[in-house]
């Protein structure tokens, strides 16, 4: 059985139909109700996809969705912090807490120009994937976890 609580991370996969969970998830998908519904269905039907909420002072302020494969590569599928909680380090906290609890050797994310500086600022190596959609450059962000971090 998976732990319900992971530090400040809470497994919210079974709470996908709650308004707050959907709102937080919506910040990391294209702003389209159909796209959000497709994303929710992916989490409901794909056992390899995990979804955690990040709490601060008993308030859920952010969310992270990911896959962790047997090579211990953690692929971030969704990451967002509510607008009223941005800019104070919650995004970094979500990443650090996820590393601490999941013990990946590598984290991988694909993002756009709007979020690429966030990943760069916390040590991800950034590679441009070029224009994946009209007038939208995408980036692959990779973070190699240091061995001493994994052994703590």
N, C-alpha and C. Protein backbone atom coordinates (compact mmCIF):
# COMPACT_ATOMS: atom_id res chain seq x y z
N UNK A 1 0.85 -1.19 0.00
CA UNK A 1 0.00 0.00 0.00
C UNK A 1 0.89 1.25 0.00
N UNK A 2 0.56 2.21 -0.84
CA UNK A 2 1.34 3.46 -0.90
C UNK A 2 1.02 4.32 0.31
N UNK A 3 2.06 5.03 0.77
CA UNK A 3 1.84 5.97 1.87
C UNK A 3 0.93 7.09 1.40
N UNK A 4 0.00 7.49 2.25
CA UNK A 4 -0.86 8.62 1.92
C UNK A 4 -0.08 9.92 2.08
N UNK A 5 0.73 10.02 3.12
CA UNK A 5 1.49 11.24 3.39
C UNK A 5 2.94 11.03 3.06
N UNK A 6 3.52 11.96 2.39
CA UNK A 6 4.95 11.96 2.12
C UNK A 6 5.42 13.36 2.48
N UNK A 7 5.94 13.51 3.69
CA UNK A 7 6.37 14.83 4.13
C UNK A 7 5.24 15.82 3.97
N UNK A 8 5.48 16.85 3.19
CA UNK A 8 4.46 17.85 2.92
C UNK A 8 3.69 17.50 1.65
N UNK A 9 4.03 16.37 1.05
CA UNK A 9 3.33 15.91 -0.14
C UNK A 9 2.22 14.95 0.28
N UNK A 10 1.06 15.09 -0.33
CA UNK A 10 -0.09 14.24 -0.05
C UNK A 10 -0.55 13.60 -1.36
N UNK A 11 -0.74 12.29 -1.33
CA UNK A 11 -1.24 11.61 -2.51
C UNK A 11 -2.67 12.08 -2.77
N UNK A 12 -2.89 12.70 -3.91
CA UNK A 12 -4.22 13.24 -4.23
C UNK A 12 -4.84 12.57 -5.45
N UNK A 13 -4.27 11.46 -5.87
CA UNK A 13 -4.77 10.80 -7.08
C UNK A 13 -6.23 10.37 -6.92
N UNK A 14 -6.64 9.99 -5.73
CA UNK A 14 -8.03 9.59 -5.51
C UNK A 14 -8.95 10.78 -5.27
N UNK A 15 -8.39 11.98 -5.31
CA UNK A 15 -9.17 13.20 -5.08
C UNK A 15 -9.28 14.05 -6.34
N UNK A 16 -9.13 13.42 -7.49
CA UNK A 16 -9.09 14.13 -8.77
C UNK A 16 -10.35 14.94 -9.08
N UNK A 17 -11.46 14.60 -8.47
CA UNK A 17 -12.69 15.33 -8.79
C UNK A 17 -12.97 16.48 -7.82
N UNK A 18 -12.04 16.71 -6.89
CA UNK A 18 -12.18 17.86 -6.00
C UNK A 18 -11.80 19.14 -6.75
N UNK A 19 -12.55 20.18 -6.49
CA UNK A 19 -12.35 21.45 -7.20
C UNK A 19 -10.92 21.99 -7.05
N UNK A 20 -10.36 21.97 -5.84
CA UNK A 20 -9.02 22.50 -5.63
C UNK A 20 -7.97 21.71 -6.40
N UNK A 21 -8.08 20.39 -6.41
CA UNK A 21 -7.12 19.56 -7.14
C UNK A 21 -7.20 19.88 -8.63
N UNK A 22 -8.40 19.97 -9.16
CA UNK A 22 -8.56 20.29 -10.58
C UNK A 22 -8.05 21.69 -10.90
N UNK A 23 -8.29 22.63 -10.00
CA UNK A 23 -7.79 23.99 -10.23
C UNK A 23 -6.27 24.00 -10.30
N UNK A 24 -5.61 23.35 -9.35
CA UNK A 24 -4.15 23.31 -9.35
C UNK A 24 -3.62 22.59 -10.59
N UNK A 25 -4.25 21.50 -10.95
CA UNK A 25 -3.84 20.76 -12.14
C UNK A 25 -4.04 21.59 -13.40
N UNK A 26 -5.10 22.39 -13.42
CA UNK A 26 -5.40 23.20 -14.61
C UNK A 26 -4.30 24.21 -14.92
N UNK A 27 -3.55 24.65 -13.91
CA UNK A 27 -2.48 25.62 -14.16
C UNK A 27 -1.32 25.01 -14.95
N UNK A 28 -1.26 23.68 -15.03
CA UNK A 28 -0.14 23.04 -15.73
C UNK A 28 -0.56 22.39 -17.04
N UNK A 29 -1.79 22.63 -17.48
CA UNK A 29 -2.22 22.12 -18.78
C UNK A 29 -2.69 23.29 -19.62
N UNK A 30 -2.74 23.07 -20.91
CA UNK A 30 -3.23 24.11 -21.81
C UNK A 30 -4.61 24.55 -21.33
N UNK A 31 -4.86 25.87 -21.23
CA UNK A 31 -6.12 26.35 -20.65
C UNK A 31 -7.34 26.01 -21.51
N UNK A 32 -7.75 24.76 -21.37
CA UNK A 32 -8.87 24.26 -22.15
C UNK A 32 -9.56 23.18 -21.32
N UNK A 33 -10.85 23.33 -21.03
CA UNK A 33 -11.56 22.36 -20.19
C UNK A 33 -11.45 20.92 -20.71
N UNK A 34 -11.43 20.74 -22.03
CA UNK A 34 -11.29 19.40 -22.60
C UNK A 34 -9.93 18.81 -22.27
N UNK A 35 -8.89 19.63 -22.34
CA UNK A 35 -7.52 19.18 -22.03
C UNK A 35 -7.42 18.79 -20.55
N UNK A 36 -8.04 19.55 -19.68
CA UNK A 36 -8.03 19.21 -18.25
C UNK A 36 -8.75 17.88 -18.04
N UNK A 37 -9.87 17.68 -18.67
CA UNK A 37 -10.62 16.42 -18.52
C UNK A 37 -9.80 15.24 -19.04
N UNK A 38 -9.08 15.42 -20.15
CA UNK A 38 -8.21 14.36 -20.68
C UNK A 38 -7.11 14.02 -19.68
N UNK A 39 -6.55 15.06 -19.05
CA UNK A 39 -5.48 14.86 -18.07
C UNK A 39 -6.01 14.10 -16.85
N UNK A 40 -7.18 14.47 -16.37
CA UNK A 40 -7.79 13.78 -15.24
C UNK A 40 -8.01 12.31 -15.59
N UNK A 41 -8.51 12.03 -16.79
CA UNK A 41 -8.73 10.65 -17.21
C UNK A 41 -7.42 9.87 -17.28
N UNK A 42 -6.33 10.53 -17.70
CA UNK A 42 -5.03 9.86 -17.73
C UNK A 42 -4.63 9.42 -16.33
N UNK A 43 -4.78 10.30 -15.35
CA UNK A 43 -4.41 9.95 -13.98
C UNK A 43 -5.31 8.83 -13.43
N UNK A 44 -6.57 8.84 -13.81
CA UNK A 44 -7.50 7.81 -13.33
C UNK A 44 -7.22 6.44 -13.93
N UNK A 45 -6.72 6.39 -15.15
CA UNK A 45 -6.58 5.11 -15.84
C UNK A 45 -5.14 4.59 -15.91
N UNK A 46 -4.15 5.43 -15.66
CA UNK A 46 -2.75 5.02 -15.79
C UNK A 46 -2.14 4.86 -14.40
N UNK A 47 -1.94 3.61 -13.99
CA UNK A 47 -1.39 3.34 -12.65
C UNK A 47 0.05 3.82 -12.48
N UNK A 48 0.76 4.03 -13.59
CA UNK A 48 2.15 4.49 -13.47
C UNK A 48 2.24 5.99 -13.20
N UNK A 49 1.15 6.71 -13.39
CA UNK A 49 1.13 8.15 -13.12
C UNK A 49 0.78 8.40 -11.66
N UNK A 50 1.62 9.15 -10.98
CA UNK A 50 1.38 9.52 -9.58
C UNK A 50 1.05 11.00 -9.52
N UNK A 51 0.25 11.39 -8.52
CA UNK A 51 -0.15 12.79 -8.37
C UNK A 51 -0.17 13.15 -6.90
N UNK A 52 0.62 14.17 -6.54
CA UNK A 52 0.71 14.61 -5.16
C UNK A 52 0.43 16.10 -5.04
N UNK A 53 -0.25 16.46 -3.98
CA UNK A 53 -0.45 17.86 -3.64
C UNK A 53 0.60 18.27 -2.63
N UNK A 54 0.95 19.53 -2.61
CA UNK A 54 1.97 20.06 -1.70
C UNK A 54 1.29 21.04 -0.76
N UNK A 55 1.42 20.77 0.54
CA UNK A 55 0.73 21.58 1.54
C UNK A 55 1.69 22.47 2.32
N UNK A 56 1.19 23.64 2.66
CA UNK A 56 1.90 24.57 3.54
C UNK A 56 0.87 25.10 4.52
N UNK A 57 1.14 24.91 5.80
CA UNK A 57 0.22 25.37 6.85
C UNK A 57 -1.20 24.88 6.59
N UNK A 58 -1.31 23.59 6.26
CA UNK A 58 -2.59 22.90 6.03
C UNK A 58 -3.36 23.40 4.82
N UNK A 59 -2.69 24.15 3.94
CA UNK A 59 -3.34 24.63 2.72
C UNK A 59 -2.58 24.03 1.54
N UNK A 60 -3.32 23.41 0.60
CA UNK A 60 -2.68 22.87 -0.59
C UNK A 60 -2.34 24.02 -1.53
N UNK A 61 -1.04 24.18 -1.79
CA UNK A 61 -0.58 25.31 -2.59
C UNK A 61 -0.05 24.91 -3.96
N UNK A 62 0.22 23.62 -4.15
CA UNK A 62 0.77 23.18 -5.43
C UNK A 62 0.51 21.71 -5.67
N UNK A 63 0.95 21.27 -6.85
CA UNK A 63 0.69 19.89 -7.25
C UNK A 63 1.82 19.42 -8.15
N UNK A 64 2.14 18.12 -8.07
CA UNK A 64 3.13 17.52 -8.97
C UNK A 64 2.61 16.16 -9.42
N UNK A 65 2.70 15.93 -10.71
CA UNK A 65 2.37 14.64 -11.29
C UNK A 65 3.61 14.10 -11.96
N UNK A 66 3.84 12.79 -11.88
CA UNK A 66 5.05 12.21 -12.46
C UNK A 66 4.93 10.70 -12.62
N UNK A 67 5.91 10.17 -13.37
CA UNK A 67 6.13 8.74 -13.50
C UNK A 67 7.53 8.48 -12.96
N UNK A 68 7.71 7.35 -12.31
CA UNK A 68 9.03 6.94 -11.83
C UNK A 68 9.28 5.55 -12.39
N UNK A 69 10.24 5.44 -13.32
CA UNK A 69 10.48 4.13 -13.94
C UNK A 69 11.48 3.31 -13.14
N UNK A 70 11.72 2.08 -13.57
CA UNK A 70 12.60 1.18 -12.81
C UNK A 70 14.05 1.62 -12.82
N UNK A 71 14.43 2.49 -13.76
CA UNK A 71 15.80 3.05 -13.76
C UNK A 71 15.90 4.24 -12.81
N UNK A 72 14.83 4.53 -12.09
CA UNK A 72 14.74 5.62 -11.11
C UNK A 72 14.77 6.99 -11.79
N UNK A 73 14.31 7.05 -13.05
CA UNK A 73 14.11 8.34 -13.73
C UNK A 73 12.70 8.82 -13.40
N UNK A 74 12.62 10.02 -12.88
CA UNK A 74 11.34 10.60 -12.54
C UNK A 74 10.99 11.63 -13.62
N UNK A 75 9.93 11.34 -14.35
CA UNK A 75 9.50 12.23 -15.43
C UNK A 75 8.31 13.04 -14.92
N UNK A 76 8.53 14.34 -14.78
CA UNK A 76 7.48 15.24 -14.31
C UNK A 76 6.50 15.47 -15.44
N UNK A 77 5.24 15.17 -15.19
CA UNK A 77 4.20 15.37 -16.20
C UNK A 77 3.43 16.66 -15.95
N UNK A 78 3.31 17.05 -14.69
CA UNK A 78 2.60 18.29 -14.32
C UNK A 78 3.23 18.84 -13.05
N UNK A 79 3.39 20.15 -13.01
CA UNK A 79 3.90 20.84 -11.83
C UNK A 79 3.30 22.23 -11.84
N UNK A 80 2.64 22.59 -10.74
CA UNK A 80 2.10 23.94 -10.67
C UNK A 80 1.94 24.37 -9.22
N UNK A 81 1.95 25.68 -9.05
CA UNK A 81 1.69 26.31 -7.75
C UNK A 81 0.59 27.33 -8.00
N UNK A 82 -0.37 27.41 -7.10
CA UNK A 82 -1.46 28.37 -7.23
C UNK A 82 -0.93 29.78 -7.34
N UNK A 83 -1.59 30.64 -8.11
CA UNK A 83 -1.10 32.01 -8.36
C UNK A 83 -0.81 32.80 -7.08
N UNK A 84 -1.63 32.64 -6.06
CA UNK A 84 -1.43 33.40 -4.82
C UNK A 84 -0.25 32.90 -4.00
N UNK A 85 0.33 31.75 -4.37
CA UNK A 85 1.45 31.16 -3.62
C UNK A 85 2.75 31.15 -4.40
N UNK A 86 2.77 31.77 -5.57
CA UNK A 86 3.97 31.74 -6.42
C UNK A 86 5.02 32.73 -5.94
N UNK A 87 6.26 32.41 -6.28
CA UNK A 87 7.36 33.32 -6.02
C UNK A 87 7.96 33.25 -4.63
N UNK A 88 7.54 32.27 -3.83
CA UNK A 88 8.07 32.17 -2.46
C UNK A 88 8.78 30.85 -2.20
N UNK A 89 9.01 30.05 -3.25
CA UNK A 89 9.80 28.84 -3.11
C UNK A 89 9.03 27.53 -3.03
N UNK A 90 7.72 27.57 -3.21
CA UNK A 90 6.96 26.32 -3.14
C UNK A 90 7.30 25.37 -4.28
N UNK A 91 7.52 25.89 -5.48
CA UNK A 91 7.89 25.03 -6.61
C UNK A 91 9.18 24.28 -6.32
N UNK A 92 10.17 25.00 -5.82
CA UNK A 92 11.44 24.38 -5.43
C UNK A 92 11.21 23.36 -4.31
N UNK A 93 10.35 23.70 -3.36
CA UNK A 93 10.04 22.79 -2.26
C UNK A 93 9.41 21.50 -2.75
N UNK A 94 8.52 21.61 -3.71
CA UNK A 94 7.88 20.42 -4.27
C UNK A 94 8.93 19.51 -4.90
N UNK A 95 9.85 20.09 -5.67
CA UNK A 95 10.91 19.31 -6.31
C UNK A 95 11.79 18.65 -5.26
N UNK A 96 12.25 19.42 -4.27
CA UNK A 96 13.14 18.87 -3.24
C UNK A 96 12.47 17.78 -2.42
N UNK A 97 11.22 17.97 -2.05
CA UNK A 97 10.48 16.97 -1.29
C UNK A 97 10.29 15.70 -2.12
N UNK A 98 10.02 15.86 -3.39
CA UNK A 98 9.85 14.71 -4.28
C UNK A 98 11.16 13.93 -4.40
N UNK A 99 12.28 14.63 -4.53
CA UNK A 99 13.60 13.98 -4.58
C UNK A 99 13.84 13.21 -3.29
N UNK A 100 13.58 13.86 -2.16
CA UNK A 100 13.84 13.25 -0.86
C UNK A 100 13.03 11.97 -0.67
N UNK A 101 11.79 11.98 -1.06
CA UNK A 101 10.92 10.83 -0.81
C UNK A 101 10.97 9.75 -1.88
N UNK A 102 11.14 10.13 -3.14
CA UNK A 102 11.08 9.16 -4.23
C UNK A 102 12.46 8.63 -4.62
N UNK A 103 13.52 9.31 -4.23
CA UNK A 103 14.90 8.89 -4.48
C UNK A 103 15.21 8.62 -5.95
N UNK A 104 14.83 9.52 -6.84
CA UNK A 104 15.18 9.31 -8.26
C UNK A 104 16.66 9.61 -8.48
N UNK A 105 17.22 9.07 -9.56
CA UNK A 105 18.59 9.44 -9.93
C UNK A 105 18.58 10.60 -10.90
N UNK A 106 17.48 10.73 -11.64
CA UNK A 106 17.33 11.79 -12.63
C UNK A 106 15.89 12.29 -12.61
N UNK A 107 15.72 13.60 -12.78
CA UNK A 107 14.40 14.18 -12.98
C UNK A 107 14.38 14.76 -14.38
N UNK A 108 13.27 14.58 -15.07
CA UNK A 108 13.13 15.07 -16.45
C UNK A 108 11.80 15.80 -16.55
N UNK A 109 11.84 16.96 -17.18
CA UNK A 109 10.60 17.71 -17.42
C UNK A 109 10.69 18.32 -18.81
N UNK A 110 9.54 18.47 -19.42
CA UNK A 110 9.45 19.22 -20.68
C UNK A 110 8.58 20.43 -20.39
N UNK A 111 9.04 21.60 -20.83
CA UNK A 111 8.29 22.81 -20.50
C UNK A 111 8.40 23.84 -21.62
N UNK A 112 7.78 24.98 -21.38
CA UNK A 112 7.79 26.07 -22.35
C UNK A 112 8.64 27.23 -21.84
N UNK A 113 8.70 28.30 -22.63
CA UNK A 113 9.52 29.45 -22.25
C UNK A 113 9.09 30.07 -20.92
N UNK A 114 7.81 30.00 -20.63
CA UNK A 114 7.29 30.61 -19.41
C UNK A 114 7.89 29.98 -18.14
N UNK A 115 8.15 28.68 -18.17
CA UNK A 115 8.61 27.98 -16.96
C UNK A 115 10.07 27.55 -17.00
N UNK A 116 10.74 27.71 -18.13
CA UNK A 116 12.09 27.18 -18.25
C UNK A 116 13.06 27.83 -17.25
N UNK A 117 12.89 29.10 -16.94
CA UNK A 117 13.79 29.76 -15.99
C UNK A 117 13.64 29.19 -14.59
N UNK A 118 12.43 28.76 -14.22
CA UNK A 118 12.24 28.11 -12.93
C UNK A 118 13.14 26.88 -12.83
N UNK A 119 13.09 26.02 -13.84
CA UNK A 119 13.91 24.80 -13.82
C UNK A 119 15.40 25.14 -13.83
N UNK A 120 15.79 26.11 -14.64
CA UNK A 120 17.20 26.52 -14.70
C UNK A 120 17.67 27.01 -13.33
N UNK A 121 16.82 27.77 -12.64
CA UNK A 121 17.21 28.37 -11.35
C UNK A 121 17.43 27.34 -10.25
N UNK A 122 16.88 26.14 -10.40
CA UNK A 122 17.12 25.13 -9.36
C UNK A 122 18.09 24.04 -9.81
N UNK A 123 18.79 24.30 -10.93
CA UNK A 123 19.90 23.43 -11.31
C UNK A 123 19.64 22.44 -12.43
N UNK A 124 18.50 22.51 -13.08
CA UNK A 124 18.24 21.64 -14.22
C UNK A 124 19.08 22.10 -15.41
N UNK A 125 19.56 21.16 -16.21
CA UNK A 125 20.24 21.46 -17.46
C UNK A 125 19.14 21.58 -18.52
N UNK A 126 19.19 22.65 -19.30
CA UNK A 126 18.12 22.97 -20.25
C UNK A 126 18.59 22.75 -21.68
N UNK A 127 17.78 22.04 -22.45
CA UNK A 127 18.04 21.83 -23.88
C UNK A 127 16.79 22.21 -24.66
N UNK A 128 16.96 23.04 -25.68
CA UNK A 128 15.82 23.41 -26.51
C UNK A 128 15.41 22.23 -27.39
N UNK A 129 14.12 22.02 -27.49
CA UNK A 129 13.57 21.00 -28.40
C UNK A 129 13.06 21.65 -29.67
N UNK A 130 13.25 22.97 -29.76
CA UNK A 130 12.78 23.70 -30.94
C UNK A 130 11.30 24.01 -30.83
N UNK A 131 10.76 24.44 -31.94
CA UNK A 131 9.36 24.84 -31.98
C UNK A 131 8.49 23.59 -32.17
N UNK A 132 7.93 23.10 -31.08
CA UNK A 132 7.11 21.89 -31.12
C UNK A 132 5.68 22.17 -31.58
N UNK A 133 5.22 23.37 -31.31
CA UNK A 133 3.90 23.85 -31.73
C UNK A 133 4.13 25.20 -32.39
N UNK A 134 3.23 25.68 -33.23
CA UNK A 134 3.45 26.98 -33.88
C UNK A 134 3.78 28.08 -32.87
N UNK A 135 4.92 28.71 -33.07
CA UNK A 135 5.39 29.83 -32.24
C UNK A 135 5.56 29.48 -30.77
N UNK A 136 5.79 28.19 -30.47
CA UNK A 136 5.99 27.76 -29.08
C UNK A 136 7.22 26.86 -28.99
N UNK A 137 8.29 27.42 -28.45
CA UNK A 137 9.50 26.63 -28.23
C UNK A 137 9.33 25.80 -26.97
N UNK A 138 9.77 24.55 -27.00
CA UNK A 138 9.70 23.65 -25.86
C UNK A 138 11.13 23.33 -25.41
N UNK A 139 11.26 22.97 -24.15
CA UNK A 139 12.57 22.70 -23.56
C UNK A 139 12.52 21.39 -22.78
N UNK A 140 13.61 20.64 -22.86
CA UNK A 140 13.78 19.44 -22.04
C UNK A 140 14.70 19.84 -20.90
N UNK A 141 14.26 19.59 -19.68
CA UNK A 141 14.99 19.98 -18.48
C UNK A 141 15.39 18.70 -17.74
N UNK A 142 16.68 18.58 -17.43
CA UNK A 142 17.19 17.36 -16.79
C UNK A 142 17.98 17.73 -15.54
N UNK A 143 17.71 17.01 -14.47
CA UNK A 143 18.42 17.22 -13.21
C UNK A 143 18.97 15.88 -12.76
N UNK A 144 20.29 15.80 -12.61
CA UNK A 144 20.93 14.59 -12.09
C UNK A 144 21.07 14.76 -10.59
N UNK A 145 20.46 13.86 -9.83
CA UNK A 145 20.50 13.94 -8.37
C UNK A 145 21.87 13.47 -7.90
N UNK A 146 22.47 14.25 -7.01
CA UNK A 146 23.79 13.88 -6.47
C UNK A 146 23.65 12.67 -5.58
N UNK A 147 24.66 11.79 -5.64
CA UNK A 147 24.59 10.52 -4.91
C UNK A 147 24.41 10.71 -3.41
N UNK A 148 25.07 11.70 -2.82
CA UNK A 148 24.93 11.89 -1.36
C UNK A 148 23.49 12.28 -0.99
N UNK A 149 22.79 12.94 -1.90
CA UNK A 149 21.39 13.29 -1.64
C UNK A 149 20.55 12.02 -1.57
N UNK A 150 20.84 11.06 -2.42
CA UNK A 150 20.08 9.81 -2.44
C UNK A 150 20.34 8.96 -1.20
N UNK A 151 21.53 9.08 -0.61
CA UNK A 151 21.89 8.24 0.53
C UNK A 151 21.51 8.84 1.87
N UNK A 152 20.96 10.01 1.88
CA UNK A 152 20.61 10.66 3.15
C UNK A 152 19.42 9.98 3.78
